[in-house]
Amino acid sequence: MTADATLLAQFAALDTATVSDSLESCGLPPGQGGLRPMWGRPEVVGFAATVELEPLLGDHAGAHIITGAVAEAGADDVLVIANGGRTDVSSWGGILSVGAATRSIRGVITDGACRDVAQARELGFPVFARAQVPVTARGRLRQKSSGAPVPLGEVTVVPGDVVMADEGGVVVVPRARAAEVLRAAQRLSAREAEIEAEVRAGIPLPQAMRDARLAGEES
């Protein structure tokens, strides 16, 4: 297993809530809500492949949005699409899901709306978005950039960052600090597992959930 694959597998063993807490403990922005799975309860972890969209103000949109990014992304990648949180027009659709699934891309997170969710569900392709809407992007959106840093809510996503999404939300881990955040998250996960085991065994909740213990200040 490569170092990249090992890193993603280790993050995949965690959840977004734990990683969000660990990001904050490392002085980084926490996770965010509002980007929901559009079907089922998928969990996605991968390296960010980025696209930014913008309103089409003229008559020519150029190449169909996102197709180039899909063609270039690979099996360790998650597509991250910046569209300013717009929910009145789709920024992801069924044929894009087919193309992404064919390339074994891990999923898509779009800061906007999507459509053709049934098609994504049939493919088993994870789609996280702010809403569903049937309105096409044709004549309404164009691609501003691909492979550049993009905004996702309050966070800037850089290509290659580790991104995670599950039913709890989305987190973005800067690639340069991924090992540091991972170690913090693994320590926190172990502490929380111990606390849960004690509660299930009958230890009073206030005793098990001591602030100092949760903060990692007790050995």
C-alpha atoms as a PDB file:
ATOM      1  CA  MET A   1       0.000   0.000   0.000  1.00  0.00           C
ATOM      2  CA  THR A   2       1.352   3.424  -0.921  1.00  0.00           C
ATOM      3  CA  ALA A   3       1.794   6.225   1.611  1.00  0.00           C
ATOM      4  CA  ASP A   4      -1.149   8.093   0.052  1.00  0.00           C
ATOM      5  CA  ALA A   5      -3.392   5.046   0.244  1.00  0.00           C
ATOM      6  CA  THR A   6      -2.390   4.443   3.868  1.00  0.00           C
ATOM      7  CA  LEU A   7      -3.136   8.062   4.763  1.00  0.00           C
ATOM      8  CA  LEU A   8      -6.611   7.901   3.231  1.00  0.00           C
ATOM      9  CA  ALA A   9      -7.350   4.540   4.860  1.00  0.00           C
ATOM     10  CA  GLN A  10      -6.413   5.942   8.271  1.00  0.00           C
ATOM     11  CA  PHE A  11      -8.682   8.942   7.832  1.00  0.00           C
ATOM     12  CA  ALA A  12     -11.449   6.643   6.574  1.00  0.00           C
ATOM     13  CA  ALA A  13     -11.416   4.885   9.949  1.00  0.00           C
ATOM     14  CA  LEU A  14     -12.526   8.159  11.572  1.00  0.00           C
ATOM     15  CA  ASP A  15     -15.618  10.361  11.273  1.00  0.00           C
ATOM     16  CA  THR A  16     -15.944  14.023  10.396  1.00  0.00           C
ATOM     17  CA  ALA A  17     -16.868  15.065  13.942  1.00  0.00           C
ATOM     18  CA  THR A  18     -13.638  13.643  15.355  1.00  0.00           C
ATOM     19  CA  VAL A  19     -11.537  15.169  12.587  1.00  0.00           C
ATOM     20  CA  SER A  20     -13.317  18.519  13.012  1.00  0.00           C
ATOM     21  CA  ASP A  21     -12.398  18.596  16.713  1.00  0.00           C
ATOM     22  CA  SER A  22      -8.818  17.690  15.847  1.00  0.00           C
ATOM     23  CA  LEU A  23      -8.569  20.411  13.222  1.00  0.00           C
ATOM     24  CA  GLU A  24      -9.567  22.950  15.866  1.00  0.00           C
ATOM     25  CA  SER A  25      -7.050  21.539  18.350  1.00  0.00           C
ATOM     26  CA  CYS A  26      -4.380  22.118  15.677  1.00  0.00           C
ATOM     27  CA  GLY A  27      -5.507  25.716  15.136  1.00  0.00           C
ATOM     28  CA  LEU A  28      -7.239  25.004  11.822  1.00  0.00           C
ATOM     29  CA  PRO A  29     -10.828  25.692  10.672  1.00  0.00           C
ATOM     30  CA  PRO A  30     -13.308  23.016  11.794  1.00  0.00           C
ATOM     31  CA  GLY A  31     -15.737  21.116   9.634  1.00  0.00           C
ATOM     32  CA  GLN A  32     -18.983  22.483   8.263  1.00  0.00           C
ATOM     33  CA  GLY A  33     -22.556  21.340   7.861  1.00  0.00           C
ATOM     34  CA  GLY A  34     -25.130  21.957   5.163  1.00  0.00           C
ATOM     35  CA  LEU A  35     -23.439  19.751   2.559  1.00  0.00           C
ATOM     36  CA  ARG A  36     -25.592  16.660   2.821  1.00  0.00           C
ATOM     37  CA  PRO A  37     -25.445  13.270   1.146  1.00  0.00           C
ATOM     38  CA  MET A  38     -28.050  13.298  -1.608  1.00  0.00           C
ATOM     39  CA  TRP A  39     -28.747   9.591  -1.207  1.00  0.00           C
ATOM     40  CA  GLY A  40     -28.072   6.991   1.471  1.00  0.00           C
ATOM     41  CA  ARG A  41     -25.305   7.319   4.036  1.00  0.00           C
ATOM     42  CA  PRO A  42     -22.067   7.321   2.047  1.00  0.00           C
ATOM     43  CA  GLU A  43     -18.701   8.109   3.602  1.00  0.00           C
ATOM     44  CA  VAL A  44     -16.072   9.658   1.353  1.00  0.00           C
ATOM     45  CA  VAL A  45     -12.376  10.330   1.933  1.00  0.00           C
ATOM     46  CA  GLY A  46      -9.959  11.426  -0.784  1.00  0.00           C
ATOM     47  CA  PHE A  47      -7.688  14.074  -2.196  1.00  0.00           C
ATOM     48  CA  ALA A  48      -9.353  17.224  -3.484  1.00  0.00           C
ATOM     49  CA  ALA A  49      -9.638  17.800  -7.228  1.00  0.00           C
ATOM     50  CA  THR A  50     -11.091  21.286  -7.570  1.00  0.00           C
ATOM     51  CA  VAL A  51     -13.365  23.207  -9.932  1.00  0.00           C
ATOM     52  CA  GLU A  52     -14.837  26.694  -9.535  1.00  0.00           C
ATOM     53  CA  LEU A  53     -17.960  27.831 -11.387  1.00  0.00           C
ATOM     54  CA  GLU A  54     -19.387  31.284 -11.996  1.00  0.00           C
ATOM     55  CA  PRO A  55     -22.490  32.788 -13.628  1.00  0.00           C
ATOM     56  CA  LEU A  56     -22.552  32.835 -17.407  1.00  0.00           C
ATOM     57  CA  LEU A  57     -23.048  36.466 -18.371  1.00  0.00           C
ATOM     58  CA  GLY A  58     -22.449  36.223 -22.118  1.00  0.00           C
ATOM     59  CA  ASP A  59     -23.451  33.828 -24.858  1.00  0.00           C
ATOM     60  CA  HIS A  60     -20.522  31.412 -24.797  1.00  0.00           C
ATOM     61  CA  ALA A  61     -19.867  29.041 -21.911  1.00  0.00           C
ATOM     62  CA  GLY A  62     -16.944  27.201 -23.538  1.00  0.00           C
ATOM     63  CA  ALA A  63     -16.446  23.503 -22.846  1.00  0.00           C
ATOM     64  CA  HIS A  64     -19.108  21.784 -20.758  1.00  0.00           C
ATOM     65  CA  ILE A  65     -18.436  22.502 -17.099  1.00  0.00           C
ATOM     66  CA  ILE A  66     -16.435  20.003 -15.000  1.00  0.00           C
ATOM     67  CA  THR A  67     -15.877  17.468 -17.805  1.00  0.00           C
ATOM     68  CA  GLY A  68     -12.144  18.147 -17.985  1.00  0.00           C
ATOM     69  CA  ALA A  69     -11.734  17.750 -14.242  1.00  0.00           C
ATOM     70  CA  VAL A  70     -13.575  14.428 -14.343  1.00  0.00           C
ATOM     71  CA  ALA A  71     -11.333  13.234 -17.170  1.00  0.00           C
ATOM     72  CA  GLU A  72      -8.189  14.118 -15.200  1.00  0.00           C
ATOM     73  CA  ALA A  73      -9.173  12.923 -11.711  1.00  0.00           C
ATOM     74  CA  GLY A  74      -8.374   9.455 -10.453  1.00  0.00           C
ATOM     75  CA  ALA A  75      -9.298   6.784  -7.972  1.00  0.00           C
ATOM     76  CA  ASP A  76      -7.918   8.603  -4.909  1.00  0.00           C
ATOM     77  CA  ASP A  77      -9.725  11.858  -5.692  1.00  0.00           C
ATOM     78  CA  VAL A  78     -12.889  13.599  -4.540  1.00  0.00           C
ATOM     79  CA  LEU A  79     -14.198  16.378  -6.770  1.00  0.00           C
ATOM     80  CA  VAL A  80     -14.794  19.641  -4.909  1.00  0.00           C
ATOM     81  CA  ILE A  81     -16.939  22.139  -6.820  1.00  0.00           C
ATOM     82  CA  ALA A  82     -17.235  25.759  -5.729  1.00  0.00           C
ATOM     83  CA  ASN A  83     -20.461  27.430  -6.800  1.00  0.00           C
ATOM     84  CA  GLY A  84     -21.030  29.930  -4.036  1.00  0.00           C
ATOM     85  CA  GLY A  85     -23.760  27.906  -2.360  1.00  0.00           C
ATOM     86  CA  ARG A  86     -26.247  28.536  -5.202  1.00  0.00           C
ATOM     87  CA  THR A  87     -29.285  26.283  -5.051  1.00  0.00           C
ATOM     88  CA  ASP A  88     -31.275  27.679  -7.993  1.00  0.00           C
ATOM     89  CA  VAL A  89     -29.254  25.863 -10.665  1.00  0.00           C
ATOM     90  CA  SER A  90     -27.602  22.452 -10.793  1.00  0.00           C
ATOM     91  CA  SER A  91     -23.820  22.235 -10.668  1.00  0.00           C
ATOM     92  CA  TRP A  92     -23.704  18.418 -10.970  1.00  0.00           C
ATOM     93  CA  GLY A  93     -25.784  15.955 -12.951  1.00  0.00           C
ATOM     94  CA  GLY A  94     -26.261  12.380 -14.035  1.00  0.00           C
ATOM     95  CA  ILE A  95     -23.869  12.145 -16.969  1.00  0.00           C
ATOM     96  CA  LEU A  96     -21.118  13.659 -14.830  1.00  0.00           C
ATOM     97  CA  SER A  97     -21.840  10.957 -12.235  1.00  0.00           C
ATOM     98  CA  VAL A  98     -21.498   8.298 -14.924  1.00  0.00           C
ATOM     99  CA  GLY A  99     -18.176   9.744 -16.059  1.00  0.00           C
ATOM    100  CA  ALA A 100     -16.852  10.044 -12.518  1.00  0.00           C
ATOM    101  CA  ALA A 101     -17.954   6.541 -11.545  1.00  0.00           C
ATOM    102  CA  THR A 102     -16.318   5.143 -14.675  1.00  0.00           C
ATOM    103  CA  ARG A 103     -13.016   6.659 -13.532  1.00  0.00           C
ATOM    104  CA  SER A 104     -13.516   5.306  -9.978  1.00  0.00           C
ATOM    105  CA  ILE A 105     -13.508   8.832  -8.526  1.00  0.00           C
ATOM    106  CA  ARG A 106     -14.538   8.578  -4.885  1.00  0.00           C
ATOM    107  CA  GLY A 107     -17.322  11.157  -4.888  1.00  0.00           C
ATOM    108  CA  VAL A 108     -18.232  14.800  -5.372  1.00  0.00           C
ATOM    109  CA  ILE A 109     -18.841  17.659  -2.946  1.00  0.00           C
ATOM    110  CA  THR A 110     -20.520  20.624  -4.580  1.00  0.00           C
ATOM    111  CA  ASP A 111     -21.152  23.925  -2.830  1.00  0.00           C
ATOM    112  CA  GLY A 112     -24.447  24.287  -4.647  1.00  0.00           C
ATOM    113  CA  ALA A 113     -27.230  22.119  -5.990  1.00  0.00           C
ATOM    114  CA  CYS A 114     -27.283  18.926  -8.020  1.00  0.00           C
ATOM    115  CA  ARG A 115     -29.774  16.927 -10.056  1.00  0.00           C
ATOM    116  CA  ASP A 116     -30.264  13.360 -11.377  1.00  0.00           C
ATOM    117  CA  VAL A 117     -29.759  11.930  -7.901  1.00  0.00           C
ATOM    118  CA  ALA A 118     -31.471   8.659  -8.830  1.00  0.00           C
ATOM    119  CA  GLN A 119     -28.784   8.074 -11.434  1.00  0.00           C
ATOM    120  CA  ALA A 120     -26.013   8.674  -8.894  1.00  0.00           C
ATOM    121  CA  ARG A 121     -27.739   6.340  -6.446  1.00  0.00           C
ATOM    122  CA  GLU A 122     -28.013   3.563  -9.031  1.00  0.00           C
ATOM    123  CA  LEU A 123     -24.290   3.962  -9.750  1.00  0.00           C
ATOM    124  CA  GLY A 124     -23.421   3.982  -6.054  1.00  0.00           C
ATOM    125  CA  PHE A 125     -21.669   7.312  -6.628  1.00  0.00           C
ATOM    126  CA  PRO A 126     -21.623   9.588  -3.545  1.00  0.00           C
ATOM    127  CA  VAL A 127     -22.900  13.133  -4.102  1.00  0.00           C
ATOM    128  CA  PHE A 128     -22.819  15.760  -1.352  1.00  0.00           C
ATOM    129  CA  ALA A 129     -24.595  19.042  -2.074  1.00  0.00           C
ATOM    130  CA  ARG A 130     -26.691  21.771  -0.496  1.00  0.00           C
ATOM    131  CA  ALA A 131     -29.875  20.904  -2.388  1.00  0.00           C
ATOM    132  CA  GLN A 132     -31.453  19.210  -5.382  1.00  0.00           C
ATOM    133  CA  VAL A 133     -32.910  21.213  -8.252  1.00  0.00           C
ATOM    134  CA  PRO A 134     -33.869  20.130 -11.794  1.00  0.00           C
ATOM    135  CA  VAL A 135     -32.592  23.344 -13.449  1.00  0.00           C
ATOM    136  CA  THR A 136     -29.756  22.801 -15.934  1.00  0.00           C
ATOM    137  CA  ALA A 137     -26.423  24.642 -15.797  1.00  0.00           C
ATOM    138  CA  ARG A 138     -26.459  25.103 -19.576  1.00  0.00           C
ATOM    139  CA  GLY A 139     -26.759  28.784 -20.368  1.00  0.00           C
ATOM    140  CA  ARG A 140     -26.447  29.691 -16.685  1.00  0.00           C
ATOM    141  CA  LEU A 141     -22.990  28.665 -15.460  1.00  0.00           C
ATOM    142  CA  ARG A 142     -19.502  28.502 -16.844  1.00  0.00           C
ATOM    143  CA  GLN A 143     -16.270  27.116 -15.507  1.00  0.00           C
ATOM    144  CA  LYS A 144     -13.978  29.691 -13.932  1.00  0.00           C
ATOM    145  CA  SER A 145     -11.064  27.425 -13.004  1.00  0.00           C
ATOM    146  CA  SER A 146      -9.911  23.843 -12.558  1.00  0.00           C
ATOM    147  CA  GLY A 147      -7.076  22.625 -10.379  1.00  0.00           C
ATOM    148  CA  ALA A 148      -6.799  25.883  -8.415  1.00  0.00           C
ATOM    149  CA  PRO A 149      -7.659  26.725  -4.783  1.00  0.00           C
ATOM    150  CA  VAL A 150     -11.413  27.192  -4.339  1.00  0.00           C
ATOM    151  CA  PRO A 151     -13.726  28.377  -1.558  1.00  0.00           C
ATOM    152  CA  LEU A 152     -15.954  25.815   0.128  1.00  0.00           C
ATOM    153  CA  GLY A 153     -18.097  27.648   2.636  1.00  0.00           C
ATOM    154  CA  GLU A 154     -15.628  29.382   4.956  1.00  0.00           C
ATOM    155  CA  VAL A 155     -12.669  27.192   3.977  1.00  0.00           C
ATOM    156  CA  THR A 156     -10.279  27.350   1.042  1.00  0.00           C
ATOM    157  CA  VAL A 157      -9.646  23.955  -0.532  1.00  0.00           C
ATOM    158  CA  VAL A 158      -6.286  23.444  -2.227  1.00  0.00           C
ATOM    159  CA  PRO A 159      -5.878  20.607  -4.748  1.00  0.00           C
ATOM    160  CA  GLY A 160      -4.489  17.601  -2.913  1.00  0.00           C
ATOM    161  CA  ASP A 161      -5.990  18.491   0.467  1.00  0.00           C
ATOM    162  CA  VAL A 162      -7.642  15.604   2.287  1.00  0.00           C
ATOM    163  CA  VAL A 163     -11.418  15.997   2.186  1.00  0.00           C
ATOM    164  CA  MET A 164     -13.899  13.903   4.137  1.00  0.00           C
ATOM    165  CA  ALA A 165     -17.679  13.841   3.926  1.00  0.00           C
ATOM    166  CA  ASP A 166     -20.282  11.794   5.738  1.00  0.00           C
ATOM    167  CA  GLU A 167     -23.780  12.343   7.089  1.00  0.00           C
ATOM    168  CA  GLY A 168     -22.283  14.544   9.812  1.00  0.00           C
ATOM    169  CA  GLY A 169     -20.708  17.097   7.491  1.00  0.00           C
ATOM    170  CA  VAL A 170     -17.535  17.905   5.569  1.00  0.00           C
ATOM    171  CA  VAL A 171     -13.977  18.534   6.735  1.00  0.00           C
ATOM    172  CA  VAL A 172     -10.948  19.786   4.815  1.00  0.00           C
ATOM    173  CA  VAL A 173      -7.467  18.888   6.051  1.00  0.00           C
ATOM    174  CA  PRO A 174      -4.548  20.818   4.535  1.00  0.00           C
ATOM    175  CA  ARG A 175      -2.252  18.245   2.953  1.00  0.00           C
ATOM    176  CA  ALA A 176       0.866  19.696   4.594  1.00  0.00           C
ATOM    177  CA  ARG A 177      -0.656  19.125   8.044  1.00  0.00           C
ATOM    178  CA  ALA A 178      -2.526  15.896   7.368  1.00  0.00           C
ATOM    179  CA  ALA A 179      -0.194  13.723   9.476  1.00  0.00           C
ATOM    180  CA  GLU A 180      -0.471  16.106  12.446  1.00  0.00           C
ATOM    181  CA  VAL A 181      -4.272  16.251  12.265  1.00  0.00           C
ATOM    182  CA  LEU A 182      -4.473  12.485  11.819  1.00  0.00           C
ATOM    183  CA  ARG A 183      -2.438  11.832  14.974  1.00  0.00           C
ATOM    184  CA  ALA A 184      -4.626  14.219  16.959  1.00  0.00           C
ATOM    185  CA  ALA A 185      -7.792  12.598  15.607  1.00  0.00           C
ATOM    186  CA  GLN A 186      -6.582   9.088  16.398  1.00  0.00           C
ATOM    187  CA  ARG A 187      -5.784  10.096  19.987  1.00  0.00           C
ATOM    188  CA  LEU A 188      -9.193  11.723  20.374  1.00  0.00           C
ATOM    189  CA  SER A 189     -10.962   8.714  18.869  1.00  0.00           C
ATOM    190  CA  ALA A 190      -9.212   6.392  21.321  1.00  0.00           C
ATOM    191  CA  ARG A 191     -10.193   8.584  24.303  1.00  0.00           C
ATOM    192  CA  GLU A 192     -13.799   8.738  23.173  1.00  0.00           C
ATOM    193  CA  ALA A 193     -13.917   4.958  22.698  1.00  0.00           C
ATOM    194  CA  GLU A 194     -12.688   4.473  26.264  1.00  0.00           C
ATOM    195  CA  ILE A 195     -15.299   6.895  27.604  1.00  0.00           C
ATOM    196  CA  GLU A 196     -18.089   5.194  25.675  1.00  0.00           C
ATOM    197  CA  ALA A 197     -17.028   1.786  26.983  1.00  0.00           C
ATOM    198  CA  GLU A 198     -17.091   3.074  30.557  1.00  0.00           C
ATOM    199  CA  VAL A 199     -20.550   4.623  30.140  1.00  0.00           C
ATOM    200  CA  ARG A 200     -21.879   1.385  28.698  1.00  0.00           C
ATOM    201  CA  ALA A 201     -20.366  -0.426  31.678  1.00  0.00           C
ATOM    202  CA  GLY A 202     -22.284   1.803  34.090  1.00  0.00           C
ATOM    203  CA  ILE A 203     -19.772   4.524  34.997  1.00  0.00           C
ATOM    204  CA  PRO A 204     -21.714   7.768  35.716  1.00  0.00           C
ATOM    205  CA  LEU A 205     -21.619  10.103  32.731  1.00  0.00           C
ATOM    206  CA  PRO A 206     -20.163  13.118  34.614  1.00  0.00           C
ATOM    207  CA  GLN A 207     -17.312  10.938  35.867  1.00  0.00           C
ATOM    208  CA  ALA A 208     -16.583   9.441  32.448  1.00  0.00           C
ATOM    209  CA  MET A 209     -16.847  12.733  30.547  1.00  0.00           C
ATOM    210  CA  ARG A 210     -14.459  14.810  32.635  1.00  0.00           C
ATOM    211  CA  ASP A 211     -13.381  17.965  30.826  1.00  0.00           C
ATOM    212  CA  ALA A 212      -9.715  17.277  31.433  1.00  0.00           C
ATOM    213  CA  ARG A 213     -10.051  13.799  30.046  1.00  0.00           C
ATOM    214  CA  LEU A 214     -11.859  14.960  26.932  1.00  0.00           C
ATOM    215  CA  ALA A 215      -9.169  17.580  26.412  1.00  0.00           C
ATOM    216  CA  GLY A 216      -6.454  14.913  26.598  1.00  0.00           C
ATOM    217  CA  GLU A 217      -4.967  16.362  29.774  1.00  0.00           C
ATOM    218  CA  GLU A 218      -5.119  13.058  31.664  1.00  0.00           C
ATOM    219  CA  SER A 219      -2.908  10.089  30.896  1.00  0.00           C
END
